[in-house]
Amino acid sequence: MYRVSLVHAKDTRQSPSSQERLADIIQEDCPSLAKDATFKQSPFVPGGHAQTIYAFLGYYAYYAHSLLKPKFTREIFLLSDGGTIALDWALCKNHTNRPIVTVLSGVTGTSCDFYVRKCYNEFVRLKYSVVVVHSRGCGGSKLTTPLPFHCGFTNDYKEVVNNLHKRLPNCPLFGLSFSLGANIMTKYVGEEGENCPLVAAIAVGNPFDMYRVIKHLDSQRLSPSRIYDMAILNFLKTAFKANQSTIMSAPVEFNVKKIAQSSSIMEFTEEMTRKAFAYKSAKHLLDDSSCGPHLDNIRIPTLFLNSLDDPICIESLIPFEKLVSNPYLVLALTVHGGHIGYMGNSWPTSWVELPVSQFFAAMLKHYHK
């Protein structure tokens, strides 16, 4: 009942060095994902909603802790269009040779997110460098151009990765992503195809189809999932309000009153985001932003981690046929875990950092050129 199930092509990609196949490497080097591996949710955090909310509330604990004892060094990264984003680096003495894990978090996510901090702690223990890549106007930074971010905007992450690849050529690069960030990173990896400079990528709680996931959330009027819809909408409105004057300086007709009164994510996307990016409709933007159509073109080992009781990225959104048709892809599916909660053991203890760190260590061993 608690078994971690792996979904992949019959013949997964061979390692260029060991000639072992991706699925076999996972069986040998990733005990948290191998045959008979299990994830059993904590009895104190039962069910998808409890798991999801626990991880969300963990943000505030880590945010408070970060004020007292920051563990990141901030770099303000200048983008080619004059925009800026915040990069939060782990405090490592040098980044010149060690592996670097680039991290994309969820909607308006930051380096204080619970799941980011848990994975960060594990990577620092393994002597990896970690850099959390924030979206424009997020993570305490302000917009410096009118262009904000959206759920499929890969340009900024691409610039960061290319810059790191150029300035730190001896550092193997990895991509770790969560929720909305998982969609963006997966789309980027697919867009880059054979030219992707990452050794491997992991997407946790990937929605795959942005239009359908938002339609699902917006429809949960009488469900506990309404909490997530309103929380995400509030995050988007807060980010807009914090950068309103800059966004409004664009030659676009925004209706601030309608944006403020948006009662759903779809309404907000229609009134603000799609206009900022010159899409004809919210659906057009969301369809164009989804990573699902790009799965076929991924050419690096990529692990997807989803749970069947995820109340946001529900099972019906998972494109199983695409996942089993590309030998570079592996889906690890758990029965429980909620939306990137994964709190196991008797006393709630984070589990997600175990498969994440094991997978990257295995890919560094077998796929780094």
Protein backbone atom coordinates (compact mmCIF):
# COMPACT_ATOMS: atom_id res chain seq x y z
CA MET A 1 0.00 0.00 0.00
CA TYR A 2 2.85 2.41 0.74
CA ARG A 3 5.13 1.24 -2.06
CA VAL A 4 6.83 3.80 -4.29
CA SER A 5 5.87 2.88 -7.87
CA LEU A 6 8.14 3.69 -10.81
CA VAL A 7 6.67 4.42 -14.23
CA HIS A 8 9.00 4.55 -17.23
CA ALA A 9 9.73 3.25 -20.70
CA LYS A 10 10.53 -0.43 -21.12
CA ASP A 11 14.07 0.44 -22.21
CA THR A 12 15.32 3.55 -20.44
CA ARG A 13 18.33 5.58 -21.51
CA GLN A 14 21.78 4.03 -21.21
CA SER A 15 24.51 5.77 -19.24
CA PRO A 16 27.31 6.91 -21.59
CA SER A 17 29.92 5.82 -19.05
CA SER A 18 28.65 2.62 -17.43
CA GLN A 19 26.23 1.53 -20.19
CA GLU A 20 23.66 0.78 -17.48
CA ARG A 21 20.10 1.83 -18.13
CA LEU A 22 18.45 4.64 -16.16
CA ALA A 23 15.88 2.38 -14.49
CA ASP A 24 18.59 -0.08 -13.40
CA ILE A 25 20.75 2.73 -12.00
CA ILE A 26 17.83 3.90 -9.87
CA GLN A 27 17.35 0.37 -8.55
CA GLU A 28 21.04 0.15 -7.60
CA ASP A 29 21.79 3.66 -6.33
CA CYS A 30 18.49 5.13 -5.10
CA PRO A 31 17.17 3.05 -2.18
CA SER A 32 14.28 5.46 -1.58
CA LEU A 33 13.01 4.67 -5.10
CA ALA A 34 14.17 1.09 -5.65
CA LYS A 35 12.04 -2.05 -5.63
CA ASP A 36 10.11 -2.45 -2.35
CA ALA A 37 10.87 1.17 -1.35
CA THR A 38 8.03 2.76 0.58
CA PHE A 39 6.77 6.11 1.75
CA LYS A 40 4.44 5.89 4.75
CA GLN A 41 2.82 9.11 5.81
CA SER A 42 3.05 10.20 9.44
CA PRO A 43 -0.08 9.34 11.47
CA PHE A 44 0.04 12.94 12.73
CA VAL A 45 -0.29 14.29 9.17
CA PRO A 46 -2.88 11.99 7.56
CA GLY A 47 -4.17 12.56 4.05
CA GLY A 48 -3.34 14.81 1.13
CA HIS A 49 -4.76 18.01 2.59
CA ALA A 50 -2.94 17.62 5.92
CA GLN A 51 0.33 16.86 4.14
CA THR A 52 -0.04 19.87 1.86
CA ILE A 53 -1.00 22.32 4.60
CA TYR A 54 1.77 21.10 6.92
CA ALA A 55 4.40 21.85 4.26
CA PHE A 56 2.82 25.26 3.61
CA LEU A 57 2.85 26.20 7.30
CA GLY A 58 6.46 25.06 7.48
CA TYR A 59 7.32 28.09 5.33
CA TYR A 60 6.60 30.45 8.20
CA ALA A 61 8.80 28.49 10.62
CA TYR A 62 11.70 28.54 8.16
CA TYR A 63 11.09 32.20 7.32
CA ALA A 64 11.34 33.15 10.99
CA HIS A 65 14.46 31.00 11.33
CA SER A 66 16.03 32.63 8.26
CA LEU A 67 15.69 36.07 9.86
CA LEU A 68 17.71 34.89 12.83
CA LYS A 69 20.21 32.75 10.99
CA PRO A 70 20.35 33.32 7.22
CA LYS A 71 22.10 30.58 5.28
CA PHE A 72 22.01 32.11 1.84
CA THR A 73 24.04 34.79 0.12
CA ARG A 74 21.96 36.87 -2.28
CA GLU A 75 23.12 37.70 -5.79
CA ILE A 76 21.10 40.16 -7.88
CA PHE A 77 21.23 38.77 -11.40
CA LEU A 78 20.89 41.18 -14.32
CA LEU A 79 18.86 39.82 -17.22
CA SER A 80 19.38 40.71 -20.87
CA ASP A 81 16.21 42.85 -21.04
CA GLY A 82 17.24 44.95 -18.03
CA GLY A 83 15.16 42.96 -15.57
CA THR A 84 16.63 41.50 -12.39
CA ILE A 85 15.99 38.41 -10.30
CA ALA A 86 17.29 37.29 -6.92
CA LEU A 87 19.56 34.27 -6.66
CA ASP A 88 20.04 32.88 -3.15
CA TRP A 89 23.27 30.88 -2.86
CA ALA A 90 24.17 28.44 -0.13
CA LEU A 91 27.10 29.65 1.94
CA CYS A 92 29.82 27.52 0.37
CA LYS A 93 33.41 28.75 0.35
CA ASN A 94 33.77 28.19 -3.37
CA HIS A 95 31.58 27.10 -6.24
CA THR A 96 34.35 26.40 -8.72
CA ASN A 97 34.34 22.60 -8.76
CA ARG A 98 31.45 21.21 -6.77
CA PRO A 99 28.05 20.28 -8.24
CA ILE A 100 25.46 23.05 -8.27
CA VAL A 101 21.77 22.40 -7.73
CA THR A 102 19.59 25.14 -9.22
CA VAL A 103 16.18 25.31 -7.54
CA LEU A 104 12.84 26.63 -8.81
CA SER A 105 10.11 26.77 -6.17
CA GLY A 106 6.31 27.11 -6.39
CA VAL A 107 4.10 30.17 -7.02
CA THR A 108 6.01 33.23 -5.81
CA GLY A 109 8.15 30.71 -3.88
CA THR A 110 11.31 31.64 -2.01
CA SER A 111 14.40 30.10 -0.46
CA CYS A 112 12.42 29.93 2.82
CA ASP A 113 9.97 27.35 1.49
CA PHE A 114 9.85 24.30 3.73
CA TYR A 115 10.68 21.75 1.04
CA VAL A 116 13.44 23.95 -0.41
CA ARG A 117 15.11 24.21 3.00
CA LYS A 118 14.89 20.47 3.66
CA CYS A 119 16.55 19.65 0.33
CA TYR A 120 19.04 22.47 0.78
CA ASN A 121 20.19 21.03 4.11
CA GLU A 122 20.80 17.62 2.52
CA PHE A 123 22.75 19.03 -0.43
CA VAL A 124 24.95 21.18 1.78
CA ARG A 125 25.70 18.06 3.83
CA LEU A 126 26.80 16.38 0.60
CA LYS A 127 29.01 19.40 -0.24
CA TYR A 128 26.88 20.53 -3.20
CA SER A 129 26.31 24.21 -3.88
CA VAL A 130 22.67 25.31 -4.02
CA VAL A 131 21.19 28.35 -5.75
CA VAL A 132 17.50 29.21 -5.47
CA VAL A 133 16.32 31.09 -8.57
CA HIS A 134 13.43 33.43 -7.74
CA SER A 135 10.89 34.68 -10.23
CA ARG A 136 10.88 38.35 -11.15
CA GLY A 137 9.49 40.48 -8.34
CA CYS A 138 9.53 37.60 -5.87
CA GLY A 139 11.65 36.58 -2.90
CA GLY A 140 11.78 40.13 -1.56
CA SER A 141 13.06 41.62 -4.82
CA LYS A 142 11.34 44.30 -6.89
CA LEU A 143 10.64 44.41 -10.59
CA THR A 144 13.05 46.63 -12.52
CA THR A 145 11.13 46.34 -15.81
CA PRO A 146 7.35 46.13 -16.41
CA LEU A 147 7.57 42.42 -17.31
CA PRO A 148 6.49 40.14 -14.41
CA PHE A 149 6.55 36.31 -14.50
CA HIS A 150 4.15 33.59 -15.53
CA CYS A 151 3.75 29.85 -15.13
CA GLY A 152 5.62 28.91 -18.30
CA PHE A 153 8.16 31.74 -18.62
CA THR A 154 11.48 29.93 -19.11
CA ASN A 155 13.65 32.78 -20.42
CA ASP A 156 14.99 33.91 -17.05
CA TYR A 157 15.90 30.43 -15.84
CA LYS A 158 17.60 29.75 -19.17
CA GLU A 159 19.72 32.89 -18.79
CA VAL A 160 20.78 31.87 -15.28
CA VAL A 161 21.71 28.33 -16.31
CA ASN A 162 23.67 29.53 -19.35
CA ASN A 163 25.50 32.07 -17.21
CA LEU A 164 26.45 29.48 -14.58
CA HIS A 165 27.54 27.04 -17.27
CA LYS A 166 29.81 29.71 -18.76
CA ARG A 167 31.27 31.20 -15.60
CA LEU A 168 31.61 27.89 -13.69
CA PRO A 169 32.42 25.39 -16.46
CA ASN A 170 33.79 22.74 -14.09
CA CYS A 171 30.61 22.55 -12.00
CA PRO A 172 28.03 19.93 -12.96
CA LEU A 173 24.60 21.60 -13.03
CA PHE A 174 21.37 20.02 -11.81
CA GLY A 175 17.80 21.28 -11.76
CA LEU A 176 15.41 20.73 -8.84
CA SER A 177 11.90 22.12 -9.04
CA PHE A 178 8.60 22.13 -7.20
CA SER A 179 4.98 22.74 -8.24
CA LEU A 180 4.80 25.74 -10.60
CA GLY A 181 8.60 25.72 -10.76
CA ALA A 182 8.42 22.07 -11.84
CA ASN A 183 6.32 23.07 -14.85
CA ILE A 184 8.75 25.86 -15.78
CA MET A 185 11.87 23.71 -15.41
CA THR A 186 10.39 20.75 -17.28
CA LYS A 187 9.31 23.03 -20.12
CA TYR A 188 12.80 24.53 -20.24
CA VAL A 189 14.48 21.12 -20.36
CA GLY A 190 12.17 20.08 -23.19
CA GLU A 191 12.76 23.31 -25.11
CA GLU A 192 16.52 22.86 -24.88
CA GLY A 193 16.47 19.20 -25.92
CA GLU A 194 19.97 17.97 -26.80
CA ASN A 195 21.46 21.36 -25.88
CA CYS A 196 20.35 21.33 -22.24
CA PRO A 197 23.44 21.99 -20.03
CA LEU A 198 21.90 20.29 -16.98
CA VAL A 199 23.14 16.81 -16.08
CA ALA A 200 19.70 15.83 -14.76
CA ALA A 201 16.47 17.34 -13.46
CA ILE A 202 13.82 16.57 -10.85
CA ALA A 203 10.25 17.89 -10.87
CA VAL A 204 8.22 17.43 -7.67
CA GLY A 205 4.45 17.94 -7.78
CA ASN A 206 4.42 18.84 -11.48
CA PRO A 207 0.99 20.00 -12.79
CA PHE A 208 1.91 19.20 -16.45
CA ASP A 209 -1.21 20.97 -17.82
CA MET A 210 -1.57 24.51 -16.51
CA TYR A 211 -5.01 25.22 -17.95
CA ARG A 212 -6.53 22.05 -16.52
CA VAL A 213 -4.91 22.42 -13.09
CA ILE A 214 -6.17 25.99 -12.71
CA LYS A 215 -9.64 25.00 -13.94
CA HIS A 216 -9.56 22.25 -11.31
CA LEU A 217 -8.55 24.64 -8.52
CA ASP A 218 -11.03 27.32 -9.53
CA SER A 219 -13.86 24.77 -9.52
CA GLN A 220 -13.32 23.72 -5.89
CA ARG A 221 -15.87 26.11 -4.42
CA LEU A 222 -17.18 23.72 -1.73
CA SER A 223 -14.02 21.67 -1.24
CA PRO A 224 -11.03 22.04 1.10
CA SER A 225 -9.00 22.59 -2.07
CA ARG A 226 -10.58 26.04 -2.21
CA ILE A 227 -7.95 26.99 0.38
CA TYR A 228 -5.16 26.47 -2.17
CA ASP A 229 -6.99 28.37 -4.89
CA MET A 230 -7.43 31.38 -2.64
CA ALA A 231 -3.90 31.17 -1.26
CA ILE A 232 -2.36 31.13 -4.75
CA LEU A 233 -4.65 33.97 -5.86
CA ASN A 234 -3.62 35.98 -2.81
CA PHE A 235 0.08 35.38 -3.58
CA LEU A 236 -0.45 36.62 -7.15
CA LYS A 237 -2.37 39.71 -6.05
CA THR A 238 0.27 40.52 -3.42
CA ALA A 239 3.07 40.23 -5.98
CA PHE A 240 1.13 42.49 -8.36
CA LYS A 241 0.42 45.10 -5.69
CA ALA A 242 4.07 45.17 -4.61
CA ASN A 243 5.14 45.92 -8.18
CA GLN A 244 2.02 47.67 -9.47
CA SER A 245 3.59 50.97 -10.52
CA THR A 246 6.31 49.21 -12.51
CA ILE A 247 3.90 46.80 -14.24
CA MET A 248 1.52 49.66 -15.03
CA SER A 249 4.31 51.57 -16.79
CA ALA A 250 4.06 49.11 -19.71
CA PRO A 251 2.10 50.26 -22.80
CA VAL A 252 -0.77 47.93 -21.86
CA GLU A 253 -4.30 48.74 -20.70
CA PHE A 254 -4.73 47.14 -17.28
CA ASN A 255 -7.89 47.48 -15.21
CA VAL A 256 -6.54 47.66 -11.66
CA LYS A 257 -10.00 47.40 -10.13
CA LYS A 258 -10.75 44.16 -12.00
CA ILE A 259 -7.36 42.75 -11.09
CA ALA A 260 -7.94 43.52 -7.40
CA GLN A 261 -11.45 42.04 -7.54
CA SER A 262 -10.43 38.82 -9.33
CA SER A 263 -12.15 35.94 -7.55
CA SER A 264 -10.18 33.15 -9.24
CA ILE A 265 -6.72 32.44 -10.63
CA MET A 266 -8.23 32.32 -14.14
CA GLU A 267 -9.74 35.79 -13.73
CA PHE A 268 -6.43 37.20 -12.50
CA THR A 269 -4.61 35.58 -15.42
CA GLU A 270 -7.15 37.05 -17.84
CA GLU A 271 -7.01 40.56 -16.38
CA MET A 272 -3.27 40.86 -15.68
CA THR A 273 -0.85 38.14 -16.72
CA ARG A 274 -2.01 37.41 -20.26
CA LYS A 275 -2.10 41.16 -21.03
CA ALA A 276 1.42 41.69 -19.67
CA PHE A 277 2.68 38.99 -22.01
CA ALA A 278 0.46 39.88 -24.99
CA TYR A 279 -1.55 36.66 -25.11
CA LYS A 280 -5.04 36.77 -26.61
CA SER A 281 -6.60 34.97 -23.64
CA ALA A 282 -5.80 33.32 -20.32
CA LYS A 283 -6.36 29.91 -21.89
CA HIS A 284 -3.92 30.73 -24.68
CA LEU A 285 -1.25 31.67 -22.15
CA LEU A 286 -1.86 28.61 -19.97
CA ASP A 287 -1.89 26.16 -22.87
CA ASP A 288 1.31 27.68 -24.23
CA SER A 289 2.89 27.53 -20.74
CA SER A 290 2.26 23.84 -20.06
CA CYS A 291 5.24 21.51 -20.00
CA GLY A 292 3.26 18.48 -21.19
CA PRO A 293 3.82 19.08 -24.93
CA HIS A 294 7.58 19.33 -24.33
CA LEU A 295 8.06 15.97 -22.60
CA ASP A 296 8.86 14.18 -25.85
CA ASN A 297 11.88 16.41 -26.46
CA ILE A 298 13.63 15.96 -23.09
CA ARG A 299 17.12 14.52 -23.52
CA ILE A 300 18.52 14.42 -19.98
CA PRO A 301 17.54 12.03 -17.16
CA THR A 302 14.49 13.55 -15.51
CA LEU A 303 12.68 12.29 -12.42
CA PHE A 304 9.08 13.25 -11.68
CA LEU A 305 7.76 12.76 -8.15
CA ASN A 306 3.99 12.90 -7.66
CA SER A 307 1.55 11.57 -5.07
CA LEU A 308 -1.87 10.09 -5.77
CA ASP A 309 -3.50 12.14 -3.00
CA ASP A 310 -2.15 15.47 -4.25
CA PRO A 311 -5.19 17.80 -4.04
CA ILE A 312 -3.68 20.29 -6.52
CA CYS A 313 -1.84 18.27 -9.20
CA ILE A 314 -4.39 15.49 -9.33
CA GLU A 315 -3.77 12.04 -10.85
CA SER A 316 -5.81 12.73 -13.99
CA LEU A 317 -3.32 15.46 -14.99
CA ILE A 318 -0.36 13.05 -15.14
CA PRO A 319 0.44 12.24 -18.82
CA PHE A 320 1.33 8.58 -18.33
CA GLU A 321 1.52 7.81 -22.07
CA LYS A 322 4.14 10.51 -22.66
CA LEU A 323 6.14 9.47 -19.62
CA VAL A 324 6.47 5.86 -20.79
CA SER A 325 7.36 6.84 -24.36
CA ASN A 326 10.55 8.80 -23.56
CA PRO A 327 13.49 6.71 -22.23
CA TYR A 328 14.92 9.72 -20.35
CA LEU A 329 11.89 10.03 -18.04
CA VAL A 330 10.97 8.26 -14.80
CA LEU A 331 7.88 8.92 -12.68
CA ALA A 332 8.01 7.97 -8.99
CA LEU A 333 4.47 7.71 -7.70
CA THR A 334 3.51 7.54 -4.03
CA VAL A 335 0.10 6.81 -2.53
CA HIS A 336 0.41 9.62 0.01
CA GLY A 337 2.35 12.85 0.29
CA GLY A 338 -0.12 15.54 -0.72
CA HIS A 339 1.22 18.44 -2.74
CA ILE A 340 4.97 18.33 -1.99
CA GLY A 341 4.34 17.51 1.67
CA TYR A 342 5.88 14.04 2.03
CA MET A 343 5.91 14.00 5.83
CA GLY A 344 6.64 10.44 6.98
CA ASN A 345 7.69 8.40 10.03
CA SER A 346 5.84 8.43 13.35
CA TRP A 347 6.78 11.99 14.22
CA PRO A 348 6.42 14.09 11.02
CA THR A 349 9.74 13.98 9.20
CA SER A 350 10.47 15.18 5.68
CA TRP A 351 11.15 12.41 3.15
CA VAL A 352 11.49 14.20 -0.18
CA GLU A 353 15.17 15.11 0.23
CA LEU A 354 16.13 11.41 0.27
CA PRO A 355 15.05 10.42 -3.27
CA VAL A 356 16.09 13.84 -4.57
CA SER A 357 19.66 13.64 -3.27
CA GLN A 358 20.05 9.95 -4.15
CA PHE A 359 18.92 10.54 -7.73
CA PHE A 360 21.30 13.43 -8.30
CA ALA A 361 24.22 11.49 -6.79
CA ALA A 362 23.46 8.58 -9.12
CA MET A 363 23.19 10.87 -12.17
CA LEU A 364 26.48 12.58 -11.26
CA LYS A 365 28.12 9.17 -11.16
CA HIS A 366 26.65 7.77 -14.38
CA TYR A 367 25.67 10.66 -16.66
CA HIS A 368 28.09 13.53 -16.00
CA LYS A 369 30.49 13.78 -18.93
